[in-house]
Amino acid sequence: AIITGTLSVAMGLLLLKEAGLLTGGTTGLAILIHYSTGIS
């Protein structure tokens, strides 16, 4: 379940990131920091 679920989440996040979109939660905070600083 962890392997399957996390793969689905990771693919979804990569789609959002590639399109330059935002999302919510701590993932959204991570994207904001990434866009602002360029850190991994």
PDB file of all heavy atoms in Angstrom:
ATOM      1  N   ALA A   1       0.829  -1.199   0.000  1.00  0.00           N
ATOM      2  CA  ALA A   1       0.000   0.000   0.000  1.00  0.00           C
ATOM      3  C   ALA A   1       0.867   1.253   0.000  1.00  0.00           C
ATOM      4  O   ALA A   1       0.580   2.228  -0.718  1.00  0.00           O
ATOM      5  CB  ALA A   1      -0.935   0.006   1.211  1.00  0.00           C
ATOM      6  N   ILE A   2       1.925   1.246   0.803  1.00  0.00           N
ATOM      7  CA  ILE A   2       2.823   2.401   0.857  1.00  0.00           C
ATOM      8  C   ILE A   2       3.535   2.586  -0.477  1.00  0.00           C
ATOM      9  O   ILE A   2       3.643   3.712  -0.984  1.00  0.00           O
ATOM     10  CB  ILE A   2       3.836   2.244   2.008  1.00  0.00           C
ATOM     11  CG1 ILE A   2       3.114   2.394   3.357  1.00  0.00           C
ATOM     12  CG2 ILE A   2       4.961   3.279   1.894  1.00  0.00           C
ATOM     13  CD1 ILE A   2       4.000   2.129   4.554  1.00  0.00           C
ATOM     14  N   ILE A   3       3.989   1.492  -1.072  1.00  0.00           N
ATOM     15  CA  ILE A   3       4.672   1.586  -2.369  1.00  0.00           C
ATOM     16  C   ILE A   3       3.719   2.105  -3.447  1.00  0.00           C
ATOM     17  O   ILE A   3       4.045   3.003  -4.228  1.00  0.00           O
ATOM     18  CB  ILE A   3       5.243   0.216  -2.777  1.00  0.00           C
ATOM     19  CG1 ILE A   3       6.396  -0.170  -1.844  1.00  0.00           C
ATOM     20  CG2 ILE A   3       5.734   0.250  -4.228  1.00  0.00           C
ATOM     21  CD1 ILE A   3       6.924  -1.572  -2.074  1.00  0.00           C
ATOM     22  N   THR A   4       2.514   1.527  -3.498  1.00  0.00           N
ATOM     23  CA  THR A   4       1.536   1.917  -4.513  1.00  0.00           C
ATOM     24  C   THR A   4       1.044   3.340  -4.301  1.00  0.00           C
ATOM     25  O   THR A   4       1.006   4.154  -5.230  1.00  0.00           O
ATOM     26  CB  THR A   4       0.333   0.957  -4.492  1.00  0.00           C
ATOM     27  OG1 THR A   4       0.778  -0.380  -4.670  1.00  0.00           O
ATOM     28  CG2 THR A   4      -0.662   1.313  -5.596  1.00  0.00           C
ATOM     29  N   GLY A   5       0.655   3.652  -3.062  1.00  0.00           N
ATOM     30  CA  GLY A   5       0.117   4.974  -2.777  1.00  0.00           C
ATOM     31  C   GLY A   5       1.123   6.090  -2.988  1.00  0.00           C
ATOM     32  O   GLY A   5       0.796   7.137  -3.559  1.00  0.00           O
ATOM     33  N   THR A   6       2.353   5.874  -2.541  1.00  0.00           N
ATOM     34  CA  THR A   6       3.360   6.928  -2.680  1.00  0.00           C
ATOM     35  C   THR A   6       3.767   7.149  -4.132  1.00  0.00           C
ATOM     36  O   THR A   6       4.096   8.273  -4.522  1.00  0.00           O
ATOM     37  CB  THR A   6       4.612   6.629  -1.838  1.00  0.00           C
ATOM     38  OG1 THR A   6       5.146   5.348  -2.199  1.00  0.00           O
ATOM     39  CG2 THR A   6       4.279   6.650  -0.352  1.00  0.00           C
ATOM     40  N   LEU A   7       3.754   6.100  -4.942  1.00  0.00           N
ATOM     41  CA  LEU A   7       4.049   6.273  -6.370  1.00  0.00           C
ATOM     42  C   LEU A   7       2.983   7.146  -7.018  1.00  0.00           C
ATOM     43  O   LEU A   7       3.293   8.043  -7.804  1.00  0.00           O
ATOM     44  CB  LEU A   7       4.123   4.922  -7.068  1.00  0.00           C
ATOM     45  CG  LEU A   7       4.330   4.982  -8.593  1.00  0.00           C
ATOM     46  CD1 LEU A   7       5.634   5.696  -8.944  1.00  0.00           C
ATOM     47  CD2 LEU A   7       4.311   3.578  -9.198  1.00  0.00           C
ATOM     48  N   SER A   8       1.721   6.899  -6.684  1.00  0.00           N
ATOM     49  CA  SER A   8       0.632   7.709  -7.220  1.00  0.00           C
ATOM     50  C   SER A   8       0.780   9.169  -6.785  1.00  0.00           C
ATOM     51  O   SER A   8       0.624  10.088  -7.600  1.00  0.00           O
ATOM     52  CB  SER A   8      -0.712   7.149  -6.741  1.00  0.00           C
ATOM     53  OG  SER A   8      -1.786   7.907  -7.249  1.00  0.00           O
ATOM     54  N   VAL A   9       1.104   9.387  -5.521  1.00  0.00           N
ATOM     55  CA  VAL A   9       1.292  10.749  -5.017  1.00  0.00           C
ATOM     56  C   VAL A   9       2.469  11.433  -5.703  1.00  0.00           C
ATOM     57  O   VAL A   9       2.378  12.591  -6.130  1.00  0.00           O
ATOM     58  CB  VAL A   9       1.505  10.741  -3.482  1.00  0.00           C
ATOM     59  CG1 VAL A   9       1.941  12.119  -2.985  1.00  0.00           C
ATOM     60  CG2 VAL A   9       0.230  10.317  -2.772  1.00  0.00           C
ATOM     61  N   ALA A  10       3.594  10.727  -5.815  1.00  0.00           N
ATOM     62  CA  ALA A  10       4.781  11.307  -6.436  1.00  0.00           C
ATOM     63  C   ALA A  10       4.528  11.699  -7.889  1.00  0.00           C
ATOM     64  O   ALA A  10       4.941  12.776  -8.339  1.00  0.00           O
ATOM     65  CB  ALA A  10       5.952  10.329  -6.347  1.00  0.00           C
ATOM     66  N   MET A  11       3.822  10.851  -8.636  1.00  0.00           N
ATOM     67  CA  MET A  11       3.515  11.175 -10.033  1.00  0.00           C
ATOM     68  C   MET A  11       2.603  12.391 -10.118  1.00  0.00           C
ATOM     69  O   MET A  11       2.779  13.265 -10.973  1.00  0.00           O
ATOM     70  CB  MET A  11       2.853   9.975 -10.701  1.00  0.00           C
ATOM     71  CG  MET A  11       3.782   8.788 -10.951  1.00  0.00           C
ATOM     72  SD  MET A  11       5.188   9.188 -12.020  1.00  0.00           S
ATOM     73  CE  MET A  11       4.341   9.662 -13.537  1.00  0.00           C
ATOM     74  N   GLY A  12       1.618  12.469  -9.218  1.00  0.00           N
ATOM     75  CA  GLY A  12       0.735  13.628  -9.205  1.00  0.00           C
ATOM     76  C   GLY A  12       1.483  14.912  -8.884  1.00  0.00           C
ATOM     77  O   GLY A  12       1.265  15.955  -9.520  1.00  0.00           O
ATOM     78  N   LEU A  13       2.383  14.841  -7.908  1.00  0.00           N
ATOM     79  CA  LEU A  13       3.160  16.017  -7.532  1.00  0.00           C
ATOM     80  C   LEU A  13       4.077  16.476  -8.665  1.00  0.00           C
ATOM     81  O   LEU A  13       4.254  17.682  -8.894  1.00  0.00           O
ATOM     82  CB  LEU A  13       3.994  15.720  -6.279  1.00  0.00           C
ATOM     83  CG  LEU A  13       3.225  15.612  -4.965  1.00  0.00           C
ATOM     84  CD1 LEU A  13       4.160  15.181  -3.838  1.00  0.00           C
ATOM     85  CD2 LEU A  13       2.555  16.938  -4.626  1.00  0.00           C
ATOM     86  N   LEU A  14       4.654  15.531  -9.378  1.00  0.00           N
ATOM     87  CA  LEU A  14       5.538  15.884 -10.482  1.00  0.00           C
ATOM     88  C   LEU A  14       4.767  16.564 -11.610  1.00  0.00           C
ATOM     89  O   LEU A  14       5.288  17.475 -12.262  1.00  0.00           O
ATOM     90  CB  LEU A  14       6.258  14.637 -11.000  1.00  0.00           C
ATOM     91  CG  LEU A  14       7.366  14.116 -10.079  1.00  0.00           C
ATOM     92  CD1 LEU A  14       7.883  12.765 -10.574  1.00  0.00           C
ATOM     93  CD2 LEU A  14       8.507  15.124  -9.980  1.00  0.00           C
ATOM     94  N   LEU A  15       3.513  16.127 -11.843  1.00  0.00           N
ATOM     95  CA  LEU A  15       2.680  16.803 -12.843  1.00  0.00           C
ATOM     96  C   LEU A  15       2.434  18.255 -12.434  1.00  0.00           C
ATOM     97  O   LEU A  15       2.553  19.181 -13.245  1.00  0.00           O
ATOM     98  CB  LEU A  15       1.346  16.074 -13.010  1.00  0.00           C
ATOM     99  CG  LEU A  15       1.354  14.751 -13.775  1.00  0.00           C
ATOM    100  CD1 LEU A  15      -0.042  14.145 -13.798  1.00  0.00           C
ATOM    101  CD2 LEU A  15       1.857  14.960 -15.208  1.00  0.00           C
ATOM    102  N   LEU A  16       2.075  18.461 -11.172  1.00  0.00           N
ATOM    103  CA  LEU A  16       1.830  19.815 -10.683  1.00  0.00           C
ATOM    104  C   LEU A  16       3.092  20.671 -10.778  1.00  0.00           C
ATOM    105  O   LEU A  16       3.049  21.819 -11.226  1.00  0.00           O
ATOM    106  CB  LEU A  16       1.350  19.779  -9.235  1.00  0.00           C
ATOM    107  CG  LEU A  16       0.014  19.075  -8.950  1.00  0.00           C
ATOM    108  CD1 LEU A  16      -0.305  19.146  -7.460  1.00  0.00           C
ATOM    109  CD2 LEU A  16      -1.118  19.682  -9.759  1.00  0.00           C
ATOM    110  N   LYS A  17       4.208  20.105 -10.354  1.00  0.00           N
ATOM    111  CA  LYS A  17       5.475  20.845 -10.350  1.00  0.00           C
ATOM    112  C   LYS A  17       5.891  21.202 -11.776  1.00  0.00           C
ATOM    113  O   LYS A  17       6.341  22.318 -12.033  1.00  0.00           O
ATOM    114  CB  LYS A  17       6.550  19.990  -9.672  1.00  0.00           C
ATOM    115  CG  LYS A  17       7.913  20.643  -9.555  1.00  0.00           C
ATOM    116  CD  LYS A  17       8.824  19.794  -8.691  1.00  0.00           C
ATOM    117  CE  LYS A  17      10.252  20.339  -8.682  1.00  0.00           C
ATOM    118  NZ  LYS A  17      10.926  20.109  -9.977  1.00  0.00           N
ATOM    119  N   GLU A  18       5.758  20.272 -12.715  1.00  0.00           N
ATOM    120  CA  GLU A  18       6.146  20.514 -14.104  1.00  0.00           C
ATOM    121  C   GLU A  18       5.295  21.613 -14.728  1.00  0.00           C
ATOM    122  O   GLU A  18       5.787  22.385 -15.561  1.00  0.00           O
ATOM    123  CB  GLU A  18       6.015  19.229 -14.914  1.00  0.00           C
ATOM    124  CG  GLU A  18       6.514  19.331 -16.350  1.00  0.00           C
ATOM    125  CD  GLU A  18       8.010  19.591 -16.437  1.00  0.00           C
ATOM    126  OE1 GLU A  18       8.743  19.156 -15.523  1.00  0.00           O
ATOM    127  OE2 GLU A  18       8.448  20.234 -17.410  1.00  0.00           O
ATOM    128  N   ALA A  19       4.031  21.706 -14.315  1.00  0.00           N
ATOM    129  CA  ALA A  19       3.130  22.729 -14.856  1.00  0.00           C
ATOM    130  C   ALA A  19       3.247  24.055 -14.109  1.00  0.00           C
ATOM    131  O   ALA A  19       2.563  25.024 -14.461  1.00  0.00           O
ATOM    132  CB  ALA A  19       1.690  22.227 -14.804  1.00  0.00           C
ATOM    133  N   GLY A  20       4.078  24.103 -13.073  1.00  0.00           N
ATOM    134  CA  GLY A  20       4.245  25.331 -12.310  1.00  0.00           C
ATOM    135  C   GLY A  20       3.075  25.649 -11.412  1.00  0.00           C
ATOM    136  O   GLY A  20       2.793  26.814 -11.113  1.00  0.00           O
ATOM    137  N   LEU A  21       2.372  24.599 -10.941  1.00  0.00           N
ATOM    138  CA  LEU A  21       1.188  24.781 -10.110  1.00  0.00           C
ATOM    139  C   LEU A  21       1.516  24.643  -8.631  1.00  0.00           C
ATOM    140  O   LEU A  21       2.575  24.139  -8.263  1.00  0.00           O
ATOM    141  CB  LEU A  21       0.120  23.748 -10.505  1.00  0.00           C
ATOM    142  CG  LEU A  21      -0.367  23.801 -11.950  1.00  0.00           C
ATOM    143  CD1 LEU A  21      -1.360  22.680 -12.215  1.00  0.00           C
ATOM    144  CD2 LEU A  21      -0.987  25.154 -12.273  1.00  0.00           C
ATOM    145  N   LEU A  22       0.580  25.059  -7.810  1.00  0.00           N
ATOM    146  CA  LEU A  22       0.709  24.960  -6.364  1.00  0.00           C
ATOM    147  C   LEU A  22      -0.240  23.884  -5.845  1.00  0.00           C
ATOM    148  O   LEU A  22      -1.153  23.457  -6.538  1.00  0.00           O
ATOM    149  CB  LEU A  22       0.361  26.302  -5.711  1.00  0.00           C
ATOM    150  CG  LEU A  22       1.149  27.517  -6.187  1.00  0.00           C
ATOM    151  CD1 LEU A  22       0.544  28.787  -5.593  1.00  0.00           C
ATOM    152  CD2 LEU A  22       2.617  27.397  -5.815  1.00  0.00           C
ATOM    153  N   THR A  23      -0.009  23.474  -4.621  1.00  0.00           N
ATOM    154  CA  THR A  23      -0.936  22.561  -3.970  1.00  0.00           C
ATOM    155  C   THR A  23      -0.929  22.882  -2.477  1.00  0.00           C
ATOM    156  O   THR A  23      -0.259  23.819  -2.053  1.00  0.00           O
ATOM    157  CB  THR A  23      -0.556  21.090  -4.226  1.00  0.00           C
ATOM    158  OG1 THR A  23      -1.613  20.232  -3.757  1.00  0.00           O
ATOM    159  CG2 THR A  23       0.749  20.702  -3.537  1.00  0.00           C
ATOM    160  N   GLY A  24      -1.693  22.110  -1.698  1.00  0.00           N
ATOM    161  CA  GLY A  24      -1.849  22.450  -0.297  1.00  0.00           C
ATOM    162  C   GLY A  24      -0.987  21.631   0.639  1.00  0.00           C
ATOM    163  O   GLY A  24      -0.130  20.844   0.213  1.00  0.00           O
ATOM    164  N   GLY A  25      -1.232  21.806   1.946  1.00  0.00           N
ATOM    165  CA  GLY A  25      -0.541  21.027   2.965  1.00  0.00           C
ATOM    166  C   GLY A  25       0.938  21.327   3.053  1.00  0.00           C
ATOM    167  O   GLY A  25       1.443  22.321   2.522  1.00  0.00           O
ATOM    168  N   THR A  26       1.655  20.452   3.738  1.00  0.00           N
ATOM    169  CA  THR A  26       3.101  20.629   3.843  1.00  0.00           C
ATOM    170  C   THR A  26       3.770  20.450   2.482  1.00  0.00           C
ATOM    171  O   THR A  26       4.835  21.017   2.240  1.00  0.00           O
ATOM    172  CB  THR A  26       3.697  19.610   4.841  1.00  0.00           C
ATOM    173  OG1 THR A  26       3.228  18.298   4.531  1.00  0.00           O
ATOM    174  CG2 THR A  26       3.308  19.961   6.266  1.00  0.00           C
ATOM    175  N   THR A  27       3.133  19.681   1.599  1.00  0.00           N
ATOM    176  CA  THR A  27       3.643  19.560   0.235  1.00  0.00           C
ATOM    177  C   THR A  27       3.593  20.907  -0.465  1.00  0.00           C
ATOM    178  O   THR A  27       4.534  21.295  -1.166  1.00  0.00           O
ATOM    179  CB  THR A  27       2.819  18.535  -0.561  1.00  0.00           C
ATOM    180  OG1 THR A  27       2.862  17.271   0.095  1.00  0.00           O
ATOM    181  CG2 THR A  27       3.369  18.385  -1.968  1.00  0.00           C
ATOM    182  N   GLY A  28       2.486  21.630  -0.259  1.00  0.00           N
ATOM    183  CA  GLY A  28       2.373  22.962  -0.842  1.00  0.00           C
ATOM    184  C   GLY A  28       3.414  23.915  -0.283  1.00  0.00           C
ATOM    185  O   GLY A  28       4.002  24.719  -1.023  1.00  0.00           O
ATOM    186  N   LEU A  29       3.664  23.823   1.024  1.00  0.00           N
ATOM    187  CA  LEU A  29       4.710  24.647   1.629  1.00  0.00           C
ATOM    188  C   LEU A  29       6.073  24.313   1.029  1.00  0.00           C
ATOM    189  O   LEU A  29       6.894  25.213   0.774  1.00  0.00           O
ATOM    190  CB  LEU A  29       4.741  24.434   3.146  1.00  0.00           C
ATOM    191  CG  LEU A  29       3.572  25.001   3.946  1.00  0.00           C
ATOM    192  CD1 LEU A  29       3.714  24.611   5.419  1.00  0.00           C
ATOM    193  CD2 LEU A  29       3.499  26.513   3.806  1.00  0.00           C
ATOM    194  N   ALA A  30       6.313  23.016   0.808  1.00  0.00           N
ATOM    195  CA  ALA A  30       7.585  22.600   0.213  1.00  0.00           C
ATOM    196  C   ALA A  30       7.732  23.153  -1.202  1.00  0.00           C
ATOM    197  O   ALA A  30       8.825  23.578  -1.599  1.00  0.00           O
ATOM    198  CB  ALA A  30       7.677  21.076   0.203  1.00  0.00           C
ATOM    199  N   ILE A  31       6.633  23.160  -1.959  1.00  0.00           N
ATOM    200  CA  ILE A  31       6.682  23.707  -3.315  1.00  0.00           C
ATOM    201  C   ILE A  31       6.963  25.207  -3.276  1.00  0.00           C
ATOM    202  O   ILE A  31       7.768  25.730  -4.066  1.00  0.00           O
ATOM    203  CB  ILE A  31       5.361  23.427  -4.060  1.00  0.00           C
ATOM    204  CG1 ILE A  31       5.254  21.934  -4.400  1.00  0.00           C
ATOM    205  CG2 ILE A  31       5.271  24.256  -5.346  1.00  0.00           C
ATOM    206  CD1 ILE A  31       3.971  21.553  -5.108  1.00  0.00           C
ATOM    207  N   LEU A  32       6.317  25.918  -2.353  1.00  0.00           N
ATOM    208  CA  LEU A  32       6.555  27.354  -2.232  1.00  0.00           C
ATOM    209  C   LEU A  32       8.019  27.645  -1.919  1.00  0.00           C
ATOM    210  O   LEU A  32       8.620  28.548  -2.517  1.00  0.00           O
ATOM    211  CB  LEU A  32       5.664  27.937  -1.128  1.00  0.00           C
ATOM    212  CG  LEU A  32       4.156  27.975  -1.384  1.00  0.00           C
ATOM    213  CD1 LEU A  32       3.431  28.518  -0.162  1.00  0.00           C
ATOM    214  CD2 LEU A  32       3.830  28.809  -2.604  1.00  0.00           C
ATOM    215  N   ILE A  33       8.574  26.891  -0.989  1.00  0.00           N
ATOM    216  CA  ILE A  33       9.983  27.091  -0.633  1.00  0.00           C
ATOM    217  C   ILE A  33      10.886  26.729  -1.804  1.00  0.00           C
ATOM    218  O   ILE A  33      11.874  27.426  -2.092  1.00  0.00           O
ATOM    219  CB  ILE A  33      10.345  26.257   0.615  1.00  0.00           C
ATOM    220  CG1 ILE A  33       9.549  26.747   1.827  1.00  0.00           C
ATOM    221  CG2 ILE A  33      11.843  26.330   0.898  1.00  0.00           C
ATOM    222  CD1 ILE A  33       9.699  25.866   3.056  1.00  0.00           C
ATOM    223  N   HIS A  34      10.550  25.648  -2.512  1.00  0.00           N
ATOM    224  CA  HIS A  34      11.342  25.226  -3.669  1.00  0.00           C
ATOM    225  C   HIS A  34      11.329  26.293  -4.755  1.00  0.00           C
ATOM    226  O   HIS A  34      12.377  26.646  -5.310  1.00  0.00           O
ATOM    227  CB  HIS A  34      10.785  23.911  -4.214  1.00  0.00           C
ATOM    228  CG  HIS A  34      11.352  23.528  -5.552  1.00  0.00           C
ATOM    229  ND1 HIS A  34      12.656  23.091  -5.707  1.00  0.00           N
ATOM    230  CD2 HIS A  34      10.794  23.522  -6.794  1.00  0.00           C
ATOM    231  CE1 HIS A  34      12.880  22.834  -6.986  1.00  0.00           C
ATOM    232  NE2 HIS A  34      11.769  23.091  -7.660  1.00  0.00           N
ATOM    233  N   TYR A  35      10.140  26.817  -5.081  1.00  0.00           N
ATOM    234  CA  TYR A  35      10.038  27.866  -6.101  1.00  0.00           C
ATOM    235  C   TYR A  35      10.825  29.101  -5.690  1.00  0.00           C
ATOM    236  O   TYR A  35      11.404  29.786  -6.535  1.00  0.00           O
ATOM    237  CB  TYR A  35       8.574  28.259  -6.315  1.00  0.00           C
ATOM    238  CG  TYR A  35       7.753  27.250  -7.101  1.00  0.00           C
ATOM    239  CD1 TYR A  35       6.363  27.357  -7.148  1.00  0.00           C
ATOM    240  CD2 TYR A  35       8.343  26.200  -7.795  1.00  0.00           C
ATOM    241  CE1 TYR A  35       5.586  26.455  -7.863  1.00  0.00           C
ATOM    242  CE2 TYR A  35       7.595  25.287  -8.504  1.00  0.00           C
ATOM    243  CZ  TYR A  35       6.200  25.420  -8.541  1.00  0.00           C
ATOM    244  OH  TYR A  35       5.444  24.525  -9.245  1.00  0.00           O
ATOM    245  N   SER A  36      10.832  29.415  -4.395  1.00  0.00           N
ATOM    246  CA  SER A  36      11.461  30.648  -3.902  1.00  0.00           C
ATOM    247  C   SER A  36      12.974  30.537  -3.770  1.00  0.00           C
ATOM    248  O   SER A  36      13.688  31.529  -3.940  1.00  0.00           O
ATOM    249  CB  SER A  36      10.860  31.034  -2.543  1.00  0.00           C
ATOM    250  OG  SER A  36       9.468  31.223  -2.629  1.00  0.00           O
ATOM    251  N   THR A  37      13.464  29.332  -3.449  1.00  0.00           N
ATOM    252  CA  THR A  37      14.888  29.175  -3.141  1.00  0.00           C
ATOM    253  C   THR A  37      15.654  28.286  -4.122  1.00  0.00           C
ATOM    254  O   THR A  37      16.878  28.378  -4.207  1.00  0.00           O
ATOM    255  CB  THR A  37      15.066  28.569  -1.735  1.00  0.00           C
ATOM    256  OG1 THR A  37      14.547  27.233  -1.727  1.00  0.00           O
ATOM    257  CG2 THR A  37      14.318  29.415  -0.698  1.00  0.00           C
ATOM    258  N   GLY A  38      14.933  27.384  -4.808  1.00  0.00           N
ATOM    259  CA  GLY A  38      15.600  26.447  -5.709  1.00  0.00           C
ATOM    260  C   GLY A  38      16.174  25.235  -5.004  1.00  0.00           C
ATOM    261  O   GLY A  38      16.785  24.372  -5.636  1.00  0.00           O
ATOM    262  N   ILE A  39      15.971  25.134  -3.680  1.00  0.00           N
ATOM    263  CA  ILE A  39      16.439  23.971  -2.928  1.00  0.00           C
ATOM    264  C   ILE A  39      15.644  22.737  -3.351  1.00  0.00           C
ATOM    265  O   ILE A  39      14.469  22.832  -3.699  1.00  0.00           O
ATOM    266  CB  ILE A  39      16.290  24.211  -1.411  1.00  0.00           C
ATOM    267  CG1 ILE A  39      17.134  25.409  -0.978  1.00  0.00           C
ATOM    268  CG2 ILE A  39      16.688  22.967  -0.616  1.00  0.00           C
ATOM    269  CD1 ILE A  39      16.935  25.817   0.466  1.00  0.00           C
ATOM    270  N   SER A  40      16.274  21.574  -3.303  1.00  0.00           N
ATOM    271  CA  SER A  40      15.652  20.312  -3.698  1.00  0.00           C
ATOM    272  C   SER A  40      14.268  20.145  -3.072  1.00  0.00           C
ATOM    273  O   SER A  40      14.112  20.201  -1.848  1.00  0.00           O
ATOM    274  CB  SER A  40      16.545  19.146  -3.275  1.00  0.00           C
ATOM    275  OG  SER A  40      15.842  17.918  -3.367  1.00  0.00           O
TER     276      SER A  40
END
